[in-house]
Structure formats: C-alpha cells, structure tokens
Amino acid sequence: MSIAFSKYHGLGNDFILIDNRHSSEPILTPEQAVKWCDRNFGIGADGVIFLLNADNGEHRMRIFNSDGSEPEMCGNGIRCLAKFMQDLGIATIEHKYQIQTGAGLIVPQMDADGQVTVDMGKPFLTAAEIPTTLGERDRKVINEPLEVAGKTWNVTTVSMGNPHCMTFVDQVDSIPLAEIGVLFEHHPVFPKRTNTEFVEVVNRGYVKMRVWERGAGATLACGTGACATVVAGVLNDLCDRNCTVNLPGGDLQINWSAENDHILMTGPAKLVFTGSANCDL
C-alpha cells in the first residue's frame, strides 16, 4: 500500500507528516516508522508525525521518534504539523489550530509573516512531574549536582509535557554531545529517560543551546527544549522571560508570561518535499 507523505522541518529538526484522519490509529507501526526515518535506507527524518481526528471533532497529533519511541509532544514538530494542516486547507479559528497531544491541548497560531507561534501551556517543575528522583517529589530541581561520565554537572529539570534536563556551561560548542548525551538520557534518575540541553548564556536575552533528544539523539533544534531552557534560565536568574534561543538550526523566540505562566514559542516551519512510499519501503 502506498502512503502519501510530506517532509517538513523546523530549524533543521525534520519530520515526515502523514494525513491520518481516516483512522483513529497511526497507519505505520513504530518499527515501520524507524525504517522511514532511516537517512540511508529510508526517507530520513527525526520522527514521523500523524494527523488524526480527535473524538471531540478537533485534531490530534501522535509522533514516533526515529528509534520508534513515542514522545508526549514535540515543539518543532507541532509547528510543522500546523503548517501541514494549513497546506491541506484545514480551516483555522482566528488563525489558530486546536491540537490534542500526549501533553494536553496545544494551540499553534499561524502568523502573518509565515512563522508559527505556539502556546505551549505551563511548564511543570516538581520532581514528580518531570519525572526524576533527583529531588523530593514535590520540590523543584534547580542547580542540583548530577554525576555523569565521571563528572559532576549542576542540572535543572523542567517538563513541557516531556522531560528536560538543562545544564549551563561556559562554551556549549565544546560539549562532546554524542558521548555524554546518551548517558544523560538513560541516567537512572530519569525513569522515563530525558531530553538534555547544554546551554551557554550570551546575555540575559540570548542563549545558545545544543540538545540531545530522547529517542532521536543530537538534533539541530528542539522546541520544547528551547522552552524548558528559558524556564531553567529564569529559575537560575540567568536569563529573562523573553529570550532568543539559538540552536544549530537557527533561532526560536521564547516568551514565558509572568501573567498566566504560559510559554509562547515562535519559529518557522518549512515544507521540503512531498511523495509516497510503501509501508515497509
């Protein structure tokens, strides 16, 4: 069976998008998604995103990472999904889409300049919400020591519906990401694994970040990671609530509102190409 797809990217974080509204379950299995994401033998992507109908008439997002795991949400991915929905001709309400995810309702807005602004909701901050055993269940984990690869790192944890572990460093480009990222991801203090961000503060309104994504490895950008990074920066009094996050693929603008605690993420989403492929390639 041939399946139509579209390839999109958000700052180089790339996804295969499938219009899956005809079914309540993804048309691909996690194992098939791994094959599709393979950059040598498949289409190549950091994940496969499925657009499904929700029971209440809204839309639903599901995503399989390149390793076949299923995250709760993906910030760059949901911007790509919103652009995909616009390209499919799906009508918006006041230029906004209501999308159900494993992290709850997320609302992307299609901006006049072609970018997408996403209301990412409120961050989760207690150890139980991350989840992590690094601190007491009902306490925040801020600048706590964590032993990884024979070195002590001071880390701050935040959940954007998916877990993140941030550590602030002097020079982010010097971090051996491929060597230590996986050790953070699978550290026993994170029972559901974790995304890991290494952050260099240039000034209070501009930070540089490199990310090791849970289930995908080193990627060029991570939307939820950028949001979590600004939250961690504010908690450590290192950056402002309105902050530009520079990633290898480009910049995201993050605004953590002091009024309602919601985080707004603004960035691009671009169509790369369309095509069709067999389930098992």
Protein backbone atom coordinates (compact mmCIF):
# COMPACT_ATOMS: atom_id res chain seq x y z
CA MET A 1 0.00 0.00 0.00
CA SER A 2 1.34 3.40 -0.99
CA ILE A 3 1.12 6.19 1.62
CA ALA A 4 1.31 9.89 0.77
CA PHE A 5 3.61 11.97 2.97
CA SER A 6 5.10 15.43 3.24
CA LYS A 7 8.54 16.24 4.63
CA TYR A 8 8.83 19.40 6.78
CA HIS A 9 11.48 20.86 9.02
CA GLY A 10 11.59 23.37 11.85
CA LEU A 11 15.12 24.80 12.04
CA GLY A 12 16.51 21.55 10.62
CA ASN A 13 14.57 19.33 13.05
CA ASP A 14 12.84 17.31 10.31
CA PHE A 15 9.69 15.23 10.22
CA ILE A 16 7.61 13.09 7.91
CA LEU A 17 3.97 14.23 8.07
CA ILE A 18 1.08 11.89 7.26
CA ASP A 19 -2.61 12.82 6.91
CA ASN A 20 -4.01 10.01 9.07
CA ARG A 21 -7.52 11.40 9.61
CA HIS A 22 -9.12 8.34 8.04
CA SER A 23 -8.10 6.20 11.04
CA SER A 24 -8.01 6.51 14.82
CA GLU A 25 -4.54 4.89 14.98
CA PRO A 26 -1.28 5.68 13.13
CA ILE A 27 -1.08 3.97 9.77
CA LEU A 28 2.54 3.00 10.43
CA THR A 29 3.84 0.84 13.25
CA PRO A 30 6.78 2.14 15.33
CA GLU A 31 9.00 -0.39 13.54
CA GLN A 32 7.93 0.92 10.14
CA ALA A 33 8.47 4.50 11.32
CA VAL A 34 12.09 3.60 12.19
CA LYS A 35 12.61 2.45 8.59
CA TRP A 36 11.04 5.62 7.19
CA CYS A 37 13.31 7.78 9.38
CA ASP A 38 16.50 6.00 8.32
CA ARG A 39 18.65 8.53 6.46
CA ASN A 40 20.42 5.91 4.35
CA PHE A 41 17.70 3.38 3.54
CA GLY A 42 14.52 5.41 4.11
CA ILE A 43 13.18 8.92 3.63
CA GLY A 44 15.17 10.31 6.53
CA ALA A 45 13.77 12.25 9.49
CA ASP A 46 13.92 12.79 13.24
CA GLY A 47 10.37 11.44 13.53
CA VAL A 48 7.06 10.61 11.84
CA ILE A 49 4.04 12.74 12.77
CA PHE A 50 0.46 11.58 12.26
CA LEU A 51 -2.51 13.96 11.95
CA LEU A 52 -5.55 12.21 13.42
CA ASN A 53 -9.08 13.27 14.28
CA ALA A 54 -9.88 13.65 17.97
CA ASP A 55 -13.13 12.38 19.48
CA ASN A 56 -14.40 15.92 20.11
CA GLY A 57 -14.01 16.95 16.47
CA GLU A 58 -10.65 18.61 17.00
CA HIS A 59 -7.35 17.24 15.73
CA ARG A 60 -4.82 15.00 17.39
CA MET A 61 -1.07 14.64 16.99
CA ARG A 62 0.93 11.49 17.51
CA ILE A 63 4.62 11.10 16.79
CA PHE A 64 7.08 8.22 16.58
CA ASN A 65 10.74 9.14 17.08
CA SER A 66 13.45 7.80 14.81
CA ASP A 67 14.07 5.00 17.34
CA GLY A 68 10.37 4.00 17.39
CA SER A 69 9.59 5.51 20.81
CA GLU A 70 6.59 7.82 21.22
CA PRO A 71 7.13 11.15 22.99
CA GLU A 72 4.31 13.09 24.57
CA MET A 73 4.86 16.14 22.34
CA CYS A 74 7.36 17.88 20.09
CA GLY A 75 7.63 21.67 19.81
CA ASN A 76 9.23 21.88 16.36
CA GLY A 77 7.01 19.01 15.25
CA ILE A 78 3.77 20.74 16.20
CA ARG A 79 4.80 23.85 14.25
CA CYS A 80 5.39 21.60 11.24
CA LEU A 81 2.04 19.92 11.83
CA ALA A 82 0.27 23.29 11.92
CA LYS A 83 1.90 24.29 8.61
CA PHE A 84 0.93 20.88 7.17
CA MET A 85 -2.68 21.45 8.24
CA GLN A 86 -2.65 24.88 6.62
CA ASP A 87 -1.25 23.38 3.41
CA LEU A 88 -4.00 20.74 3.49
CA GLY A 89 -6.55 23.56 3.54
CA ILE A 90 -7.85 22.81 7.02
CA ALA A 91 -9.65 25.92 8.27
CA THR A 92 -8.42 27.76 11.35
CA ILE A 93 -10.37 29.61 14.01
CA GLU A 94 -8.81 33.08 14.31
CA HIS A 95 -5.67 31.67 12.62
CA LYS A 96 -5.30 29.05 15.36
CA TYR A 97 -5.49 25.25 15.46
CA GLN A 98 -6.59 23.21 18.47
CA ILE A 99 -4.42 20.09 18.62
CA GLN A 100 -4.62 17.36 21.22
CA THR A 101 -1.27 15.81 22.19
CA GLY A 102 0.08 13.45 24.80
CA ALA A 103 0.98 16.60 26.76
CA GLY A 104 -2.55 18.05 26.54
CA LEU A 105 -4.14 20.66 24.28
CA ILE A 106 -1.61 22.74 22.30
CA VAL A 107 -2.67 25.79 20.26
CA PRO A 108 -0.47 26.89 17.32
CA GLN A 109 -1.20 30.22 15.64
CA MET A 110 -0.35 30.91 12.00
CA ASP A 111 1.41 34.29 11.93
CA ALA A 112 1.16 36.78 9.05
CA ASP A 113 4.93 36.60 8.45
CA GLY A 114 4.78 32.83 7.83
CA GLN A 115 6.08 31.83 11.23
CA VAL A 116 4.12 29.78 13.76
CA THR A 117 3.54 30.85 17.36
CA VAL A 118 2.59 28.04 19.72
CA ASP A 119 1.02 28.39 23.15
CA MET A 120 2.93 25.62 24.87
CA GLY A 121 1.00 25.93 28.13
CA LYS A 122 2.57 25.99 31.58
CA PRO A 123 5.83 24.25 32.47
CA PHE A 124 5.85 21.50 35.09
CA LEU A 125 8.52 21.94 37.72
CA THR A 126 8.31 19.43 40.55
CA ALA A 127 10.45 16.31 40.55
CA ALA A 128 7.38 14.08 40.35
CA GLU A 129 6.12 15.93 37.28
CA ILE A 130 9.40 15.66 35.33
CA PRO A 131 9.71 12.76 36.44
CA THR A 132 13.03 12.46 38.24
CA THR A 133 14.28 11.01 41.51
CA LEU A 134 16.95 13.72 41.72
CA GLY A 135 14.95 15.65 44.33
CA GLU A 136 11.97 15.35 46.65
CA ARG A 137 8.76 14.64 44.73
CA ASP A 138 7.06 17.97 45.47
CA ARG A 139 10.17 20.16 45.14
CA LYS A 140 11.78 21.84 42.13
CA VAL A 141 15.15 20.54 40.94
CA ILE A 142 17.25 23.69 40.42
CA ASN A 143 21.04 23.64 40.03
CA GLU A 144 21.37 20.21 41.63
CA PRO A 145 24.54 18.09 41.22
CA LEU A 146 24.36 15.03 38.96
CA GLU A 147 27.20 12.62 38.30
CA VAL A 148 27.59 11.74 34.61
CA ALA A 149 30.65 10.28 32.88
CA GLY A 150 32.80 10.77 35.98
CA LYS A 151 31.98 14.47 36.22
CA THR A 152 29.57 16.44 38.40
CA TRP A 153 27.13 18.61 36.45
CA ASN A 154 24.73 21.10 38.02
CA VAL A 155 21.35 20.50 36.40
CA THR A 156 17.85 21.97 36.43
CA THR A 157 14.85 19.92 35.34
CA VAL A 158 11.67 21.10 33.63
CA SER A 159 8.82 19.26 31.92
CA MET A 160 6.96 20.68 28.93
CA GLY A 161 4.79 17.57 28.96
CA ASN A 162 8.06 15.75 28.20
CA PRO A 163 11.14 15.68 30.45
CA HIS A 164 14.13 18.02 30.08
CA CYS A 165 17.41 18.32 31.93
CA MET A 166 19.38 21.57 31.47
CA THR A 167 22.96 22.30 32.44
CA PHE A 168 24.59 25.70 31.95
CA VAL A 169 28.13 25.68 30.57
CA ASP A 170 30.79 28.23 29.61
CA GLN A 171 31.15 27.09 25.98
CA VAL A 172 28.40 24.96 24.53
CA ASP A 173 30.35 24.12 21.37
CA SER A 174 32.97 22.30 23.43
CA ILE A 175 30.49 19.74 24.80
CA PRO A 176 31.07 16.17 23.46
CA LEU A 177 27.35 15.78 22.82
CA ALA A 178 27.42 12.38 21.14
CA GLU A 179 29.43 10.91 24.00
CA ILE A 180 27.54 12.19 27.01
CA GLY A 181 24.06 12.95 25.67
CA VAL A 182 23.04 9.31 25.73
CA LEU A 183 24.38 8.96 29.30
CA PHE A 184 22.12 11.79 30.47
CA GLU A 185 19.16 10.36 28.53
CA HIS A 186 19.43 6.95 30.17
CA HIS A 187 20.57 8.08 33.63
CA PRO A 188 18.69 6.13 36.34
CA VAL A 189 17.41 9.33 37.99
CA PHE A 190 15.14 9.76 34.94
CA PRO A 191 12.71 6.81 34.92
CA LYS A 192 11.20 7.86 31.56
CA ARG A 193 14.57 8.97 30.16
CA THR A 194 15.14 12.66 29.42
CA ASN A 195 15.93 15.23 26.77
CA THR A 196 19.17 17.01 27.63
CA GLU A 197 20.12 20.61 26.87
CA PHE A 198 23.54 22.21 27.27
CA VAL A 199 23.20 25.98 27.47
CA GLU A 200 25.60 28.91 27.13
CA VAL A 201 24.26 32.26 28.32
CA VAL A 202 25.48 35.02 26.00
CA ASN A 203 23.34 37.64 27.73
CA ARG A 204 20.01 37.69 29.55
CA GLY A 205 18.09 37.93 26.29
CA TYR A 206 20.13 35.48 24.18
CA VAL A 207 21.34 31.94 24.90
CA LYS A 208 22.97 29.23 22.81
CA MET A 209 21.74 25.66 23.20
CA ARG A 210 22.68 22.20 21.96
CA VAL A 211 20.31 19.33 22.50
CA TRP A 212 20.33 15.57 22.82
CA GLU A 213 16.74 14.49 22.21
CA ARG A 214 15.25 11.46 23.91
CA GLY A 215 14.71 8.86 21.20
CA ALA A 216 16.34 10.88 18.39
CA GLY A 217 19.84 11.80 19.58
CA ALA A 218 21.57 15.01 18.55
CA THR A 219 19.22 17.21 16.51
CA LEU A 220 19.52 20.68 15.02
CA ALA A 221 16.67 22.09 17.14
CA CYS A 222 14.17 21.21 19.86
CA GLY A 223 11.15 23.40 20.52
CA THR A 224 10.17 22.02 23.91
CA GLY A 225 13.86 22.10 24.84
CA ALA A 226 14.09 25.79 23.97
CA CYS A 227 11.06 26.49 26.17
CA ALA A 228 12.46 24.43 29.03
CA THR A 229 15.83 26.18 28.65
CA VAL A 230 14.32 29.64 29.16
CA VAL A 231 12.37 28.40 32.20
CA ALA A 232 15.57 26.94 33.65
CA GLY A 233 17.40 30.19 32.90
CA VAL A 234 14.78 32.23 34.72
CA LEU A 235 14.77 29.84 37.69
CA ASN A 236 18.55 30.25 37.93
CA ASP A 237 18.33 34.04 37.37
CA LEU A 238 20.46 33.76 34.23
CA CYS A 239 18.06 34.99 31.55
CA ASP A 240 14.87 36.98 31.06
CA ARG A 241 11.41 35.59 30.40
CA ASN A 242 11.52 36.92 26.85
CA CYS A 243 14.59 35.32 25.32
CA THR A 244 16.04 34.22 21.98
CA VAL A 245 17.35 30.65 21.98
CA ASN A 246 19.99 29.97 19.34
CA LEU A 247 20.17 26.35 18.17
CA PRO A 248 22.37 24.78 15.48
CA GLY A 249 19.43 25.11 13.05
CA GLY A 250 18.57 28.72 13.87
CA ASP A 251 16.71 30.85 16.43
CA LEU A 252 13.49 30.40 18.38
CA GLN A 253 11.83 33.22 20.28
CA ILE A 254 10.53 32.15 23.69
CA ASN A 255 8.31 34.23 25.97
CA TRP A 256 7.36 32.86 29.41
CA SER A 257 4.48 35.07 30.54
CA ALA A 258 4.56 36.31 34.10
CA GLU A 259 0.79 36.88 33.93
CA ASN A 260 -0.58 33.41 33.13
CA ASP A 261 2.61 31.29 33.29
CA HIS A 262 2.10 30.14 29.68
CA ILE A 263 5.04 29.86 27.29
CA LEU A 264 4.82 31.16 23.72
CA MET A 265 7.26 29.71 21.19
CA THR A 266 7.71 31.38 17.79
CA GLY A 267 9.65 29.90 14.89
CA PRO A 268 9.48 28.69 11.29
CA ALA A 269 8.10 25.54 9.69
CA LYS A 270 9.05 24.72 6.11
CA LEU A 271 7.84 22.22 3.52
CA VAL A 272 10.77 20.32 1.98
CA PHE A 273 9.08 17.89 -0.43
CA THR A 274 6.14 15.55 -0.86
CA GLY A 275 5.96 11.97 -2.05
CA SER A 276 4.59 8.50 -1.43
CA ALA A 277 6.13 5.32 -0.11
CA ASN A 278 5.23 1.74 0.74
CA CYS A 279 4.67 0.96 4.43
CA ASP A 280 7.77 -1.22 4.56
CA LEU A 281 9.73 0.74 1.94
